[in-house]
């Protein structure tokens, strides 16, 4: 038994409570790191798209490569933003 300010808590209850709080903190850190990862990837994909667009305007990249790049990167950005929205509680599947 653990005695705390007029409360008595069984050892296993206390341990479970502490473990639950630790897991919540660890989950919050993981979610925060995942949000940072998503933001980084979105910025990276936007930079790649801008670079491909610039090279296309300079005549260094054929149109089919630009279209394919835009399609892939825009879809990845949409997916990442949807996942981030779910992490933030803004959307569901």
C-alpha atoms as a PDB file:
ATOM      1  CA  UNK A   1       0.000   0.000   0.000  1.00  0.00           C
ATOM      2  CA  UNK A   2       1.082   3.530  -0.743  1.00  0.00           C
ATOM      3  CA  UNK A   3      -0.145   6.381   1.435  1.00  0.00           C
ATOM      4  CA  UNK A   4      -0.555   9.795  -0.198  1.00  0.00           C
ATOM      5  CA  UNK A   5      -2.348  12.808   1.305  1.00  0.00           C
ATOM      6  CA  UNK A   6      -5.255  10.955   2.902  1.00  0.00           C
ATOM      7  CA  UNK A   7      -5.337   8.347   0.108  1.00  0.00           C
ATOM      8  CA  UNK A   8      -4.345   4.737   0.148  1.00  0.00           C
ATOM      9  CA  UNK A   9      -3.471   3.218  -3.205  1.00  0.00           C
ATOM     10  CA  UNK A  10      -2.628  -0.417  -3.836  1.00  0.00           C
ATOM     11  CA  UNK A  11       0.888  -0.938  -5.183  1.00  0.00           C
ATOM     12  CA  UNK A  12      -0.317  -2.492  -8.442  1.00  0.00           C
ATOM     13  CA  UNK A  13      -2.807   0.366  -9.003  1.00  0.00           C
ATOM     14  CA  UNK A  14      -0.066   2.910  -8.378  1.00  0.00           C
ATOM     15  CA  UNK A  15       2.292   1.064 -10.720  1.00  0.00           C
ATOM     16  CA  UNK A  16      -0.374   0.847 -13.437  1.00  0.00           C
ATOM     17  CA  UNK A  17      -1.164   4.538 -13.061  1.00  0.00           C
ATOM     18  CA  UNK A  18       2.514   5.496 -13.314  1.00  0.00           C
ATOM     19  CA  UNK A  19       3.053   3.200 -16.294  1.00  0.00           C
ATOM     20  CA  UNK A  20      -0.003   4.704 -18.000  1.00  0.00           C
ATOM     21  CA  UNK A  21       1.282   8.241 -17.458  1.00  0.00           C
ATOM     22  CA  UNK A  22       4.724   7.302 -18.781  1.00  0.00           C
ATOM     23  CA  UNK A  23       3.115   5.739 -21.852  1.00  0.00           C
ATOM     24  CA  UNK A  24       1.013   8.875 -22.408  1.00  0.00           C
ATOM     25  CA  UNK A  25       4.145  11.043 -22.266  1.00  0.00           C
ATOM     26  CA  UNK A  26       5.990   8.692 -24.620  1.00  0.00           C
ATOM     27  CA  UNK A  27       3.022   8.679 -27.009  1.00  0.00           C
ATOM     28  CA  UNK A  28       2.875  12.487 -26.934  1.00  0.00           C
ATOM     29  CA  UNK A  29       6.589  12.643 -27.779  1.00  0.00           C
ATOM     30  CA  UNK A  30       6.131  10.161 -30.620  1.00  0.00           C
ATOM     31  CA  UNK A  31       3.195  12.126 -32.002  1.00  0.00           C
ATOM     32  CA  UNK A  32       5.147  15.373 -31.723  1.00  0.00           C
ATOM     33  CA  UNK A  33       8.106  13.786 -33.529  1.00  0.00           C
ATOM     34  CA  UNK A  34       5.771  12.423 -36.193  1.00  0.00           C
ATOM     35  CA  UNK A  35       4.281  15.890 -36.757  1.00  0.00           C
ATOM     36  CA  UNK A  36       7.807  17.320 -37.141  1.00  0.00           C
ATOM     37  CA  UNK A  37       8.700  14.523 -39.570  1.00  0.00           C
ATOM     38  CA  UNK A  38       5.574  15.211 -41.624  1.00  0.00           C
ATOM     39  CA  UNK A  39       6.294  18.953 -41.736  1.00  0.00           C
ATOM     40  CA  UNK A  40       9.846  18.229 -42.874  1.00  0.00           C
ATOM     41  CA  UNK A  41       8.713  15.858 -45.609  1.00  0.00           C
ATOM     42  CA  UNK A  42       6.075  18.299 -46.872  1.00  0.00           C
ATOM     43  CA  UNK A  43       8.712  21.046 -47.062  1.00  0.00           C
ATOM     44  CA  UNK A  44      11.097  18.665 -48.828  1.00  0.00           C
ATOM     45  CA  UNK A  45       8.478  17.634 -51.399  1.00  0.00           C
ATOM     46  CA  UNK A  46       7.512  21.261 -52.041  1.00  0.00           C
ATOM     47  CA  UNK A  47      11.188  22.106 -52.594  1.00  0.00           C
ATOM     48  CA  UNK A  48      11.571  19.224 -55.051  1.00  0.00           C
ATOM     49  CA  UNK A  49       8.475  20.379 -56.927  1.00  0.00           C
ATOM     50  CA  UNK A  50       9.814  23.941 -57.100  1.00  0.00           C
ATOM     51  CA  UNK A  51      13.173  22.666 -58.350  1.00  0.00           C
ATOM     52  CA  UNK A  52      11.554  20.514 -61.032  1.00  0.00           C
ATOM     53  CA  UNK A  53       9.325  23.434 -62.077  1.00  0.00           C
ATOM     54  CA  UNK A  54      12.377  25.709 -62.365  1.00  0.00           C
ATOM     55  CA  UNK A  55      14.254  23.111 -64.410  1.00  0.00           C
ATOM     56  CA  UNK A  56      11.195  22.626 -66.612  1.00  0.00           C
ATOM     57  CA  UNK A  57      10.964  26.375 -67.247  1.00  0.00           C
ATOM     58  CA  UNK A  58      14.653  26.365 -68.188  1.00  0.00           C
ATOM     59  CA  UNK A  59      14.025  23.549 -70.674  1.00  0.00           C
ATOM     60  CA  UNK A  60      16.114  21.051 -68.698  1.00  0.00           C
ATOM     61  CA  UNK A  61      13.280  18.674 -67.828  1.00  0.00           C
ATOM     62  CA  UNK A  62      10.668  17.271 -70.223  1.00  0.00           C
ATOM     63  CA  UNK A  63       7.004  17.945 -69.530  1.00  0.00           C
ATOM     64  CA  UNK A  64       6.268  14.286 -68.752  1.00  0.00           C
ATOM     65  CA  UNK A  65       8.838  14.315 -65.937  1.00  0.00           C
ATOM     66  CA  UNK A  66       7.356  17.500 -64.479  1.00  0.00           C
ATOM     67  CA  UNK A  67       3.807  16.107 -64.634  1.00  0.00           C
ATOM     68  CA  UNK A  68       4.872  12.837 -63.007  1.00  0.00           C
ATOM     69  CA  UNK A  69       6.842  14.658 -60.315  1.00  0.00           C
ATOM     70  CA  UNK A  70       3.928  16.972 -59.555  1.00  0.00           C
ATOM     71  CA  UNK A  71       1.494  14.056 -59.389  1.00  0.00           C
ATOM     72  CA  UNK A  72       3.629  11.964 -57.045  1.00  0.00           C
ATOM     73  CA  UNK A  73       4.638  14.823 -54.752  1.00  0.00           C
ATOM     74  CA  UNK A  74       1.166  16.387 -54.543  1.00  0.00           C
ATOM     75  CA  UNK A  75      -0.330  13.014 -53.656  1.00  0.00           C
ATOM     76  CA  UNK A  76       2.321  12.452 -50.978  1.00  0.00           C
ATOM     77  CA  UNK A  77       1.674  15.934 -49.554  1.00  0.00           C
ATOM     78  CA  UNK A  78      -2.078  15.235 -49.455  1.00  0.00           C
ATOM     79  CA  UNK A  79      -1.470  11.936 -47.685  1.00  0.00           C
ATOM     80  CA  UNK A  80       0.905  13.487 -45.142  1.00  0.00           C
ATOM     81  CA  UNK A  81      -1.477  16.359 -44.447  1.00  0.00           C
ATOM     82  CA  UNK A  82      -4.352  13.897 -43.953  1.00  0.00           C
ATOM     83  CA  UNK A  83      -2.277  11.887 -41.477  1.00  0.00           C
ATOM     84  CA  UNK A  84      -1.274  15.064 -39.658  1.00  0.00           C
ATOM     85  CA  UNK A  85      -4.918  16.138 -39.525  1.00  0.00           C
ATOM     86  CA  UNK A  86      -5.811  12.792 -37.977  1.00  0.00           C
ATOM     87  CA  UNK A  87      -3.052  13.244 -35.381  1.00  0.00           C
ATOM     88  CA  UNK A  88      -4.516  16.663 -34.595  1.00  0.00           C
ATOM     89  CA  UNK A  89      -8.023  15.220 -34.381  1.00  0.00           C
ATOM     90  CA  UNK A  90      -9.225  17.218 -37.391  1.00  0.00           C
ATOM     91  CA  UNK A  91     -10.227  14.394 -39.702  1.00  0.00           C
ATOM     92  CA  UNK A  92     -11.014  10.704 -39.798  1.00  0.00           C
ATOM     93  CA  UNK A  93     -11.102   8.004 -42.410  1.00  0.00           C
END
